PDB file of all heavy atoms in Angstrom:
ATOM      1  N   GLN A   1     117.373 -40.998 266.203  1.00  0.00           N
ATOM      2  CA  GLN A   1     118.070 -42.211 266.604  1.00  0.00           C
ATOM      3  C   GLN A   1     117.226 -42.966 267.643  1.00  0.00           C
ATOM      4  O   GLN A   1     116.725 -42.354 268.617  1.00  0.00           O
ATOM      5  CB  GLN A   1     119.453 -41.996 267.151  1.00  0.00           C
ATOM      6  CG  GLN A   1     120.413 -41.362 266.139  1.00  0.00           C
ATOM      7  CD  GLN A   1     120.299 -39.892 266.060  1.00  0.00           C
ATOM      8  OE1 GLN A   1     119.775 -39.219 266.935  1.00  0.00           O
ATOM      9  NE2 GLN A   1     120.822 -39.303 264.939  1.00  0.00           N
ATOM     10  N   GLN A   2     117.120 -44.300 267.462  1.00  0.00           N
ATOM     11  CA  GLN A   2     116.454 -45.166 268.481  1.00  0.00           C
ATOM     12  C   GLN A   2     117.356 -46.333 268.673  1.00  0.00           C
ATOM     13  O   GLN A   2     117.757 -47.011 267.724  1.00  0.00           O
ATOM     14  CB  GLN A   2     115.081 -45.561 268.036  1.00  0.00           C
ATOM     15  CG  GLN A   2     114.028 -44.461 268.014  1.00  0.00           C
ATOM     16  CD  GLN A   2     112.605 -45.029 267.871  1.00  0.00           C
ATOM     17  OE1 GLN A   2     112.061 -45.509 268.860  1.00  0.00           O
ATOM     18  NE2 GLN A   2     112.070 -44.992 266.669  1.00  0.00           N
ATOM     19  N   ASP A   3     117.545 -46.722 269.958  1.00  0.00           N
ATOM     20  CA  ASP A   3     118.296 -47.937 270.324  1.00  0.00           C
ATOM     21  C   ASP A   3     117.404 -49.084 270.171  1.00  0.00           C
ATOM     22  O   ASP A   3     116.452 -49.297 270.934  1.00  0.00           O
ATOM     23  CB  ASP A   3     118.806 -47.780 271.749  1.00  0.00           C
ATOM     24  CG  ASP A   3     119.709 -48.948 272.147  1.00  0.00           C
ATOM     25  OD1 ASP A   3     119.738 -49.983 271.390  1.00  0.00           O
ATOM     26  OD2 ASP A   3     120.333 -48.896 273.216  1.00  0.00           O
ATOM     27  N   VAL A   4     117.643 -49.957 269.165  1.00  0.00           N
ATOM     28  CA  VAL A   4     116.826 -51.083 268.897  1.00  0.00           C
ATOM     29  C   VAL A   4     117.624 -52.392 269.160  1.00  0.00           C
ATOM     30  O   VAL A   4     117.329 -53.487 268.564  1.00  0.00           O
ATOM     31  CB  VAL A   4     116.263 -51.106 267.445  1.00  0.00           C
ATOM     32  CG1 VAL A   4     115.286 -49.992 267.215  1.00  0.00           C
ATOM     33  CG2 VAL A   4     117.426 -51.020 266.448  1.00  0.00           C
ATOM     34  N   THR A   5     118.565 -52.355 270.034  1.00  0.00           N
ATOM     35  CA  THR A   5     119.450 -53.490 270.303  1.00  0.00           C
ATOM     36  C   THR A   5     118.628 -54.633 270.845  1.00  0.00           C
ATOM     37  O   THR A   5     118.821 -55.795 270.385  1.00  0.00           O
ATOM     38  CB  THR A   5     120.504 -53.086 271.363  1.00  0.00           C
ATOM     39  OG1 THR A   5     121.251 -51.980 270.891  1.00  0.00           O
ATOM     40  CG2 THR A   5     121.471 -54.260 271.597  1.00  0.00           C
ATOM     41  N   ARG A   6     117.734 -54.417 271.726  1.00  0.00           N
ATOM     42  CA  ARG A   6     116.955 -55.491 272.310  1.00  0.00           C
ATOM     43  C   ARG A   6     116.123 -56.210 271.227  1.00  0.00           C
ATOM     44  O   ARG A   6     116.092 -57.443 271.134  1.00  0.00           O
ATOM     45  CB  ARG A   6     115.999 -54.982 273.391  1.00  0.00           C
ATOM     46  CG  ARG A   6     115.135 -56.087 274.022  1.00  0.00           C
ATOM     47  CD  ARG A   6     114.302 -55.521 275.122  1.00  0.00           C
ATOM     48  NE  ARG A   6     115.060 -54.989 276.260  1.00  0.00           N
ATOM     49  CZ  ARG A   6     114.577 -54.431 277.316  1.00  0.00           C
ATOM     50  NH1 ARG A   6     113.246 -54.288 277.439  1.00  0.00           N
ATOM     51  NH2 ARG A   6     115.359 -54.012 278.311  1.00  0.00           N
ATOM     52  N   ARG A   7     115.510 -55.405 270.335  1.00  0.00           N
ATOM     53  CA  ARG A   7     114.735 -56.016 269.291  1.00  0.00           C
ATOM     54  C   ARG A   7     115.629 -56.839 268.340  1.00  0.00           C
ATOM     55  O   ARG A   7     115.286 -57.956 267.975  1.00  0.00           O
ATOM     56  CB  ARG A   7     113.995 -54.960 268.467  1.00  0.00           C
ATOM     57  CG  ARG A   7     112.987 -55.504 267.502  1.00  0.00           C
ATOM     58  CD  ARG A   7     112.576 -54.423 266.564  1.00  0.00           C
ATOM     59  NE  ARG A   7     113.592 -54.107 265.546  1.00  0.00           N
ATOM     60  CZ  ARG A   7     113.648 -53.023 264.826  1.00  0.00           C
ATOM     61  NH1 ARG A   7     112.791 -52.049 265.084  1.00  0.00           N
ATOM     62  NH2 ARG A   7     114.612 -52.840 263.968  1.00  0.00           N
ATOM     63  N   LYS A   8     116.784 -56.277 267.963  1.00  0.00           N
ATOM     64  CA  LYS A   8     117.669 -56.973 267.059  1.00  0.00           C
ATOM     65  C   LYS A   8     118.187 -58.251 267.679  1.00  0.00           C
ATOM     66  O   LYS A   8     118.311 -59.287 267.009  1.00  0.00           O
ATOM     67  CB  LYS A   8     118.876 -56.096 266.660  1.00  0.00           C
ATOM     68  CG  LYS A   8     118.485 -54.843 265.847  1.00  0.00           C
ATOM     69  CD  LYS A   8     117.986 -55.203 264.463  1.00  0.00           C
ATOM     70  CE  LYS A   8     119.104 -55.705 263.585  1.00  0.00           C
ATOM     71  NZ  LYS A   8     118.668 -55.939 262.182  1.00  0.00           N
ATOM     72  N   ARG A   9     118.516 -58.224 268.988  1.00  0.00           N
ATOM     73  CA  ARG A   9     118.944 -59.448 269.634  1.00  0.00           C
ATOM     74  C   ARG A   9     117.865 -60.467 269.632  1.00  0.00           C
ATOM     75  O   ARG A   9     118.116 -61.698 269.408  1.00  0.00           O
ATOM     76  CB  ARG A   9     119.418 -59.164 271.059  1.00  0.00           C
ATOM     77  CG  ARG A   9     120.765 -58.419 271.142  1.00  0.00           C
ATOM     78  CD  ARG A   9     121.048 -58.013 272.574  1.00  0.00           C
ATOM     79  NE  ARG A   9     122.395 -57.349 272.664  1.00  0.00           N
ATOM     80  CZ  ARG A   9     122.838 -56.699 273.772  1.00  0.00           C
ATOM     81  NH1 ARG A   9     122.081 -56.679 274.822  1.00  0.00           N
ATOM     82  NH2 ARG A   9     123.975 -56.155 273.707  1.00  0.00           N
ATOM     83  N   ALA A  10     116.629 -60.058 269.870  1.00  0.00           N
ATOM     84  CA  ALA A  10     115.514 -61.010 269.856  1.00  0.00           C
ATOM     85  C   ALA A  10     115.339 -61.612 268.452  1.00  0.00           C
ATOM     86  O   ALA A  10     115.070 -62.801 268.331  1.00  0.00           O
ATOM     87  CB  ALA A  10     114.230 -60.315 270.340  1.00  0.00           C
ATOM     88  N   GLU A  11     115.444 -60.732 267.443  1.00  0.00           N
ATOM     89  CA  GLU A  11     115.307 -61.211 266.075  1.00  0.00           C
ATOM     90  C   GLU A  11     116.412 -62.243 265.773  1.00  0.00           C
ATOM     91  O   GLU A  11     116.181 -63.278 265.107  1.00  0.00           O
ATOM     92  CB  GLU A  11     115.338 -60.027 265.077  1.00  0.00           C
ATOM     93  CG  GLU A  11     114.126 -59.106 265.128  1.00  0.00           C
ATOM     94  CD  GLU A  11     114.346 -57.868 264.259  1.00  0.00           C
ATOM     95  OE1 GLU A  11     115.446 -57.658 263.776  1.00  0.00           O
ATOM     96  OE2 GLU A  11     113.341 -57.161 264.120  1.00  0.00           O
ATOM     97  N   ARG A  12     117.644 -61.857 266.165  1.00  0.00           N
ATOM     98  CA  ARG A  12     118.760 -62.803 265.909  1.00  0.00           C
ATOM     99  C   ARG A  12     118.609 -64.101 266.659  1.00  0.00           C
ATOM    100  O   ARG A  12     118.947 -65.183 266.131  1.00  0.00           O
ATOM    101  CB  ARG A  12     120.092 -62.108 266.217  1.00  0.00           C
ATOM    102  CG  ARG A  12     120.435 -60.977 265.235  1.00  0.00           C
ATOM    103  CD  ARG A  12     121.742 -60.311 265.529  1.00  0.00           C
ATOM    104  NE  ARG A  12     122.088 -59.494 264.406  1.00  0.00           N
ATOM    105  CZ  ARG A  12     123.291 -59.550 263.796  1.00  0.00           C
ATOM    106  NH1 ARG A  12     124.251 -60.334 264.241  1.00  0.00           N
ATOM    107  NH2 ARG A  12     123.546 -58.739 262.781  1.00  0.00           N
ATOM    108  N   ALA A  13     118.155 -64.005 267.909  1.00  0.00           N
ATOM    109  CA  ALA A  13     117.975 -65.250 268.688  1.00  0.00           C
ATOM    110  C   ALA A  13     116.880 -66.080 268.040  1.00  0.00           C
ATOM    111  O   ALA A  13     117.023 -67.318 267.905  1.00  0.00           O
ATOM    112  CB  ALA A  13     117.528 -64.880 270.096  1.00  0.00           C
ATOM    113  N   ALA A  14     115.828 -65.498 267.523  1.00  0.00           N
ATOM    114  CA  ALA A  14     114.768 -66.194 266.865  1.00  0.00           C
ATOM    115  C   ALA A  14     115.338 -66.835 265.592  1.00  0.00           C
ATOM    116  O   ALA A  14     115.002 -68.002 265.240  1.00  0.00           O
ATOM    117  CB  ALA A  14     113.578 -65.299 266.565  1.00  0.00           C
ATOM    118  N   ALA A  15     116.105 -66.070 264.865  1.00  0.00           N
ATOM    119  CA  ALA A  15     116.730 -66.605 263.598  1.00  0.00           C
ATOM    120  C   ALA A  15     117.665 -67.732 263.930  1.00  0.00           C
ATOM    121  O   ALA A  15     117.639 -68.789 263.210  1.00  0.00           O
ATOM    122  CB  ALA A  15     117.449 -65.516 262.898  1.00  0.00           C
ATOM    123  N   ARG A  16     118.421 -67.682 265.052  1.00  0.00           N
ATOM    124  CA  ARG A  16     119.314 -68.773 265.427  1.00  0.00           C
ATOM    125  C   ARG A  16     118.538 -70.005 265.754  1.00  0.00           C
ATOM    126  O   ARG A  16     118.877 -71.114 265.419  1.00  0.00           O
ATOM    127  CB  ARG A  16     120.236 -68.361 266.538  1.00  0.00           C
ATOM    128  CG  ARG A  16     121.354 -67.391 266.150  1.00  0.00           C
ATOM    129  CD  ARG A  16     122.406 -67.298 267.199  1.00  0.00           C
ATOM    130  NE  ARG A  16     121.873 -66.826 268.488  1.00  0.00           N
ATOM    131  CZ  ARG A  16     121.866 -65.472 268.783  1.00  0.00           C
ATOM    132  NH1 ARG A  16     122.338 -64.577 267.938  1.00  0.00           N
ATOM    133  NH2 ARG A  16     121.380 -65.099 269.933  1.00  0.00           N
ATOM    134  N   ARG A  17     117.442 -69.767 266.527  1.00  0.00           N
ATOM    135  CA  ARG A  17     116.582 -70.908 266.919  1.00  0.00           C
ATOM    136  C   ARG A  17     115.929 -71.576 265.693  1.00  0.00           C
ATOM    137  O   ARG A  17     115.936 -72.808 265.574  1.00  0.00           O
ATOM    138  CB  ARG A  17     115.501 -70.469 267.878  1.00  0.00           C
ATOM    139  CG  ARG A  17     115.950 -70.190 269.291  1.00  0.00           C
ATOM    140  CD  ARG A  17     114.811 -70.078 270.268  1.00  0.00           C
ATOM    141  NE  ARG A  17     113.933 -68.962 269.916  1.00  0.00           N
ATOM    142  CZ  ARG A  17     114.050 -67.772 270.420  1.00  0.00           C
ATOM    143  NH1 ARG A  17     115.046 -67.500 271.257  1.00  0.00           N
ATOM    144  NH2 ARG A  17     113.230 -66.821 270.095  1.00  0.00           N
ATOM    145  N   ALA A  18     115.508 -70.673 264.781  1.00  0.00           N
ATOM    146  CA  ALA A  18     114.889 -71.202 263.574  1.00  0.00           C
ATOM    147  C   ALA A  18     115.925 -71.961 262.742  1.00  0.00           C
ATOM    148  O   ALA A  18     115.632 -73.040 262.202  1.00  0.00           O
ATOM    149  CB  ALA A  18     114.289 -70.093 262.745  1.00  0.00           C
ATOM    150  N   ALA A  19     117.106 -71.452 262.702  1.00  0.00           N
ATOM    151  CA  ALA A  19     118.188 -72.083 261.898  1.00  0.00           C
ATOM    152  C   ALA A  19     118.556 -73.462 262.568  1.00  0.00           C
ATOM    153  O   ALA A  19     118.804 -74.423 261.864  1.00  0.00           O
ATOM    154  CB  ALA A  19     119.430 -71.190 261.835  1.00  0.00           C
ATOM    155  N   ARG A  20     118.635 -73.453 263.937  1.00  0.00           N
ATOM    156  CA  ARG A  20     118.945 -74.681 264.558  1.00  0.00           C
ATOM    157  C   ARG A  20     117.843 -75.719 264.366  1.00  0.00           C
ATOM    158  O   ARG A  20     118.162 -76.902 264.060  1.00  0.00           O
ATOM    159  CB  ARG A  20     119.105 -74.445 266.076  1.00  0.00           C
ATOM    160  CG  ARG A  20     119.554 -75.702 266.815  1.00  0.00           C
ATOM    161  CD  ARG A  20     119.633 -75.485 268.320  1.00  0.00           C
ATOM    162  NE  ARG A  20     118.330 -75.344 268.901  1.00  0.00           N
ATOM    163  CZ  ARG A  20     117.820 -74.204 269.421  1.00  0.00           C
ATOM    164  NH1 ARG A  20     118.526 -73.073 269.388  1.00  0.00           N
ATOM    165  NH2 ARG A  20     116.629 -74.171 269.957  1.00  0.00           N
ATOM    166  N   ILE A  21     116.579 -75.272 264.398  1.00  0.00           N
ATOM    167  CA  ILE A  21     115.487 -76.226 264.169  1.00  0.00           C
ATOM    168  C   ILE A  21     115.547 -76.731 262.723  1.00  0.00           C
ATOM    169  O   ILE A  21     115.312 -77.884 262.496  1.00  0.00           O
ATOM    170  CB  ILE A  21     114.120 -75.489 264.474  1.00  0.00           C
ATOM    171  CG1 ILE A  21     113.991 -75.240 265.988  1.00  0.00           C
ATOM    172  CG2 ILE A  21     112.974 -76.346 263.955  1.00  0.00           C
ATOM    173  CD1 ILE A  21     112.809 -74.395 266.333  1.00  0.00           C
ATOM    174  N   GLU A  22     115.840 -75.791 261.824  1.00  0.00           N
ATOM    175  CA  GLU A  22     115.933 -76.165 260.435  1.00  0.00           C
ATOM    176  C   GLU A  22     117.076 -77.202 260.217  1.00  0.00           C
ATOM    177  O   GLU A  22     116.903 -78.169 259.449  1.00  0.00           O
ATOM    178  CB  GLU A  22     116.126 -74.966 259.558  1.00  0.00           C
ATOM    179  CG  GLU A  22     116.287 -75.228 258.073  1.00  0.00           C
ATOM    180  CD  GLU A  22     115.077 -75.931 257.461  1.00  0.00           C
ATOM    181  OE1 GLU A  22     113.943 -75.763 258.084  1.00  0.00           O
ATOM    182  OE2 GLU A  22     115.207 -76.567 256.454  1.00  0.00           O
ATOM    183  N   ARG A  23     118.227 -76.974 260.906  1.00  0.00           N
ATOM    184  CA  ARG A  23     119.306 -77.862 260.739  1.00  0.00           C
ATOM    185  C   ARG A  23     118.968 -79.283 261.288  1.00  0.00           C
ATOM    186  O   ARG A  23     119.268 -80.298 260.708  1.00  0.00           O
ATOM    187  CB  ARG A  23     120.588 -77.346 261.511  1.00  0.00           C
ATOM    188  CG  ARG A  23     121.244 -76.185 260.836  1.00  0.00           C
ATOM    189  CD  ARG A  23     122.603 -75.976 261.402  1.00  0.00           C
ATOM    190  NE  ARG A  23     122.571 -75.661 262.845  1.00  0.00           N
ATOM    191  CZ  ARG A  23     122.413 -74.397 263.347  1.00  0.00           C
ATOM    192  NH1 ARG A  23     122.372 -73.392 262.579  1.00  0.00           N
ATOM    193  NH2 ARG A  23     122.411 -74.281 264.679  1.00  0.00           N
ATOM    194  N   GLU A  24     118.277 -79.249 262.474  1.00  0.00           N
ATOM    195  CA  GLU A  24     117.907 -80.540 263.058  1.00  0.00           C
ATOM    196  C   GLU A  24     116.870 -81.243 262.138  1.00  0.00           C
ATOM    197  O   GLU A  24     116.938 -82.480 261.960  1.00  0.00           O
ATOM    198  CB  GLU A  24     117.242 -80.272 264.387  1.00  0.00           C
ATOM    199  CG  GLU A  24     118.285 -79.838 265.462  1.00  0.00           C
ATOM    200  CD  GLU A  24     117.582 -79.424 266.779  1.00  0.00           C
ATOM    201  OE1 GLU A  24     116.339 -79.415 266.787  1.00  0.00           O
ATOM    202  OE2 GLU A  24     118.316 -79.097 267.725  1.00  0.00           O
ATOM    203  N   ARG A  25     115.942 -80.501 261.594  1.00  0.00           N
ATOM    204  CA  ARG A  25     114.972 -81.061 260.663  1.00  0.00           C
ATOM    205  C   ARG A  25     115.608 -81.673 259.418  1.00  0.00           C
ATOM    206  O   ARG A  25     115.345 -82.784 259.031  1.00  0.00           O
ATOM    207  CB  ARG A  25     113.923 -80.013 260.243  1.00  0.00           C
ATOM    208  CG  ARG A  25     112.790 -80.602 259.389  1.00  0.00           C
ATOM    209  CD  ARG A  25     112.047 -79.403 258.720  1.00  0.00           C
ATOM    210  NE  ARG A  25     112.865 -78.673 257.840  1.00  0.00           N
ATOM    211  CZ  ARG A  25     113.225 -79.141 256.606  1.00  0.00           C
ATOM    212  NH1 ARG A  25     112.752 -80.241 256.158  1.00  0.00           N
ATOM    213  NH2 ARG A  25     113.973 -78.326 255.869  1.00  0.00           N
ATOM    214  N   ALA A  26     116.579 -80.927 258.847  1.00  0.00           N
ATOM    215  CA  ALA A  26     117.274 -81.400 257.648  1.00  0.00           C
ATOM    216  C   ALA A  26     118.070 -82.644 257.914  1.00  0.00           C
ATOM    217  O   ALA A  26     118.119 -83.562 257.177  1.00  0.00           O
ATOM    218  CB  ALA A  26     118.190 -80.280 257.125  1.00  0.00           C
ATOM    219  N   ALA A  27     118.750 -82.605 259.127  1.00  0.00           N
ATOM    220  CA  ALA A  27     119.557 -83.853 259.509  1.00  0.00           C
ATOM    221  C   ALA A  27     118.671 -84.984 259.704  1.00  0.00           C
ATOM    222  O   ALA A  27     118.994 -86.143 259.298  1.00  0.00           O
ATOM    223  CB  ALA A  27     120.349 -83.535 260.792  1.00  0.00           C
ATOM    224  N   GLN A  28     117.522 -84.799 260.328  1.00  0.00           N
ATOM    225  CA  GLN A  28     116.570 -85.900 260.541  1.00  0.00           C
ATOM    226  C   GLN A  28     116.032 -86.426 259.225  1.00  0.00           C
ATOM    227  O   GLN A  28     115.933 -87.634 259.064  1.00  0.00           O
ATOM    228  CB  GLN A  28     115.438 -85.462 261.481  1.00  0.00           C
ATOM    229  CG  GLN A  28     114.513 -86.566 261.902  1.00  0.00           C
ATOM    230  CD  GLN A  28     113.459 -86.062 262.865  1.00  0.00           C
ATOM    231  OE1 GLN A  28     112.538 -85.344 262.466  1.00  0.00           O
ATOM    232  NE2 GLN A  28     113.548 -86.433 264.144  1.00  0.00           N
ATOM    233  N   GLU A  29     115.672 -85.512 258.316  1.00  0.00           N
ATOM    234  CA  GLU A  29     115.182 -85.955 257.058  1.00  0.00           C
ATOM    235  C   GLU A  29     116.198 -86.768 256.292  1.00  0.00           C
ATOM    236  O   GLU A  29     115.843 -87.779 255.645  1.00  0.00           O
ATOM    237  CB  GLU A  29     114.743 -84.745 256.244  1.00  0.00           C
ATOM    238  CG  GLU A  29     113.433 -84.135 256.629  1.00  0.00           C
ATOM    239  CD  GLU A  29     112.998 -83.019 255.696  1.00  0.00           C
ATOM    240  OE1 GLU A  29     113.806 -82.640 254.861  1.00  0.00           O
ATOM    241  OE2 GLU A  29     111.826 -82.522 255.839  1.00  0.00           O
ATOM    242  N   HIS A  30     117.470 -86.347 256.325  1.00  0.00           N
ATOM    243  CA  HIS A  30     118.504 -87.111 255.697  1.00  0.00           C
ATOM    244  C   HIS A  30     118.609 -88.515 256.298  1.00  0.00           C
ATOM    245  O   HIS A  30     118.785 -89.493 255.552  1.00  0.00           O
ATOM    246  CB  HIS A  30     119.849 -86.371 255.842  1.00  0.00           C
ATOM    247  CG  HIS A  30     121.026 -87.090 255.247  1.00  0.00           C
ATOM    248  ND1 HIS A  30     121.159 -87.199 253.891  1.00  0.00           N
ATOM    249  CD2 HIS A  30     122.070 -87.765 255.808  1.00  0.00           C
ATOM    250  CE1 HIS A  30     122.237 -87.882 253.623  1.00  0.00           C
ATOM    251  NE2 HIS A  30     122.820 -88.239 254.763  1.00  0.00           N
ATOM    252  N   LEU A  31     118.491 -88.565 257.590  1.00  0.00           N
ATOM    253  CA  LEU A  31     118.561 -89.914 258.260  1.00  0.00           C
ATOM    254  C   LEU A  31     117.416 -90.813 257.883  1.00  0.00           C
ATOM    255  O   LEU A  31     117.580 -92.027 257.763  1.00  0.00           O
ATOM    256  CB  LEU A  31     118.639 -89.678 259.821  1.00  0.00           C
ATOM    257  CG  LEU A  31     118.741 -90.944 260.640  1.00  0.00           C
ATOM    258  CD1 LEU A  31     120.027 -91.624 260.394  1.00  0.00           C
ATOM    259  CD2 LEU A  31     118.552 -90.559 262.127  1.00  0.00           C
ATOM    260  N   LEU A  32     116.248 -90.180 257.661  1.00  0.00           N
ATOM    261  CA  LEU A  32     115.038 -90.952 257.389  1.00  0.00           C
ATOM    262  C   LEU A  32     114.886 -91.339 255.912  1.00  0.00           C
ATOM    263  O   LEU A  32     113.867 -91.969 255.544  1.00  0.00           O
ATOM    264  CB  LEU A  32     113.828 -90.111 257.805  1.00  0.00           C
ATOM    265  CG  LEU A  32     113.723 -89.759 259.288  1.00  0.00           C
ATOM    266  CD1 LEU A  32     112.460 -89.021 259.590  1.00  0.00           C
ATOM    267  CD2 LEU A  32     113.834 -91.022 260.198  1.00  0.00           C
ATOM    268  N   GLU A  33     115.809 -91.030 255.068  1.00  0.00           N
ATOM    269  CA  GLU A  33     115.694 -91.312 253.652  1.00  0.00           C
ATOM    270  C   GLU A  33     115.557 -92.848 253.379  1.00  0.00           C
ATOM    271  O   GLU A  33     114.834 -93.255 252.502  1.00  0.00           O
ATOM    272  CB  GLU A  33     116.887 -90.796 252.869  1.00  0.00           C
ATOM    273  CG  GLU A  33     116.835 -89.298 252.645  1.00  0.00           C
ATOM    274  CD  GLU A  33     118.025 -88.759 251.877  1.00  0.00           C
ATOM    275  OE1 GLU A  33     118.877 -89.599 251.505  1.00  0.00           O
ATOM    276  OE2 GLU A  33     118.100 -87.534 251.633  1.00  0.00           O
ATOM    277  N   ARG A  34     116.213 -93.656 254.163  1.00  0.00           N
ATOM    278  CA  ARG A  34     116.122 -95.105 253.961  1.00  0.00           C
ATOM    279  C   ARG A  34     114.752 -95.673 254.168  1.00  0.00           C
ATOM    280  O   ARG A  34     114.384 -96.684 253.622  1.00  0.00           O
ATOM    281  CB  ARG A  34     117.118 -95.836 254.870  1.00  0.00           C
ATOM    282  CG  ARG A  34     118.603 -95.602 254.557  1.00  0.00           C
ATOM    283  CD  ARG A  34     119.485 -96.431 255.388  1.00  0.00           C
ATOM    284  NE  ARG A  34     119.180 -97.861 255.231  1.00  0.00           N
ATOM    285  CZ  ARG A  34     119.595 -98.752 256.063  1.00  0.00           C
ATOM    286  NH1 ARG A  34     120.319 -98.446 257.111  1.00  0.00           N
ATOM    287  NH2 ARG A  34     119.249-100.056 255.874  1.00  0.00           N
ATOM    288  N   LEU A  35     114.033 -94.971 255.064  1.00  0.00           N
ATOM    289  CA  LEU A  35     112.658 -95.412 255.355  1.00  0.00           C
ATOM    290  C   LEU A  35     111.628 -94.351 254.974  1.00  0.00           C
ATOM    291  O   LEU A  35     110.747 -94.021 255.746  1.00  0.00           O
ATOM    292  CB  LEU A  35     112.540 -95.833 256.824  1.00  0.00           C
ATOM    293  CG  LEU A  35     113.439 -96.936 257.306  1.00  0.00           C
ATOM    294  CD1 LEU A  35     113.406 -97.048 258.764  1.00  0.00           C
ATOM    295  CD2 LEU A  35     113.050 -98.273 256.652  1.00  0.00           C
ATOM    296  N   ASN A  36     111.829 -93.794 253.804  1.00  0.00           N
ATOM    297  CA  ASN A  36     111.073 -92.623 253.364  1.00  0.00           C
ATOM    298  C   ASN A  36     109.580 -92.941 253.396  1.00  0.00           C
ATOM    299  O   ASN A  36     108.755 -92.080 253.793  1.00  0.00           O
ATOM    300  CB  ASN A  36     111.509 -92.147 251.989  1.00  0.00           C
ATOM    301  CG  ASN A  36     110.802 -90.908 251.593  1.00  0.00           C
ATOM    302  OD1 ASN A  36     110.922 -89.890 252.266  1.00  0.00           O
ATOM    303  ND2 ASN A  36     109.955 -90.971 250.547  1.00  0.00           N
ATOM    304  N   GLY A  37     109.178 -94.137 253.007  1.00  0.00           N
ATOM    305  CA  GLY A  37     107.778 -94.419 252.926  1.00  0.00           C
ATOM    306  C   GLY A  37     107.064 -94.388 254.232  1.00  0.00           C
ATOM    307  O   GLY A  37     106.059 -93.707 254.410  1.00  0.00           O
ATOM    308  N   VAL A  38     107.628 -95.096 255.213  1.00  0.00           N
ATOM    309  CA  VAL A  38     106.973 -95.116 256.545  1.00  0.00           C
ATOM    310  C   VAL A  38     107.058 -93.824 257.218  1.00  0.00           C
ATOM    311  O   VAL A  38     106.107 -93.365 257.892  1.00  0.00           O
ATOM    312  CB  VAL A  38     107.628 -96.251 257.416  1.00  0.00           C
ATOM    313  CG1 VAL A  38     109.097 -95.879 257.756  1.00  0.00           C
ATOM    314  CG2 VAL A  38     106.820 -96.389 258.685  1.00  0.00           C
ATOM    315  N   VAL A  39     108.181 -93.069 257.002  1.00  0.00           N
ATOM    316  CA  VAL A  39     108.329 -91.742 257.631  1.00  0.00           C
ATOM    317  C   VAL A  39     107.260 -90.818 257.067  1.00  0.00           C
ATOM    318  O   VAL A  39     106.603 -90.067 257.822  1.00  0.00           O
ATOM    319  CB  VAL A  39     109.712 -91.181 257.387  1.00  0.00           C
ATOM    320  CG1 VAL A  39     109.787 -89.712 257.816  1.00  0.00           C
ATOM    321  CG2 VAL A  39     110.737 -91.977 258.152  1.00  0.00           C
ATOM    322  N   ALA A  40     107.105 -90.843 255.776  1.00  0.00           N
ATOM    323  CA  ALA A  40     106.097 -89.947 255.134  1.00  0.00           C
ATOM    324  C   ALA A  40     104.703 -90.260 255.637  1.00  0.00           C
ATOM    325  O   ALA A  40     103.901 -89.350 255.936  1.00  0.00           O
ATOM    326  CB  ALA A  40     106.170 -90.090 253.612  1.00  0.00           C
ATOM    327  N   GLU A  41     104.376 -91.545 255.720  1.00  0.00           N
ATOM    328  CA  GLU A  41     103.061 -91.921 256.168  1.00  0.00           C
ATOM    329  C   GLU A  41     102.796 -91.500 257.585  1.00  0.00           C
ATOM    330  O   GLU A  41     101.757 -90.911 257.957  1.00  0.00           O
ATOM    331  CB  GLU A  41     102.851 -93.439 256.054  1.00  0.00           C
ATOM    332  CG  GLU A  41     102.720 -93.947 254.621  1.00  0.00           C
ATOM    333  CD  GLU A  41     101.417 -93.538 253.970  1.00  0.00           C
ATOM    334  OE1 GLU A  41     100.428 -93.335 254.735  1.00  0.00           O
ATOM    335  OE2 GLU A  41     101.404 -93.369 252.752  1.00  0.00           O
TER     336      GLU A  41
END
């Protein structure tokens, strides 16, 4: 048995951060659909 709580918490925190960043990115992409051309460029 090994206590890996610290590692799991770090993994979960990283996953939450990644999920939050992904949510923000998705929301921003949705907002930018009207100006997709300029945004893409």
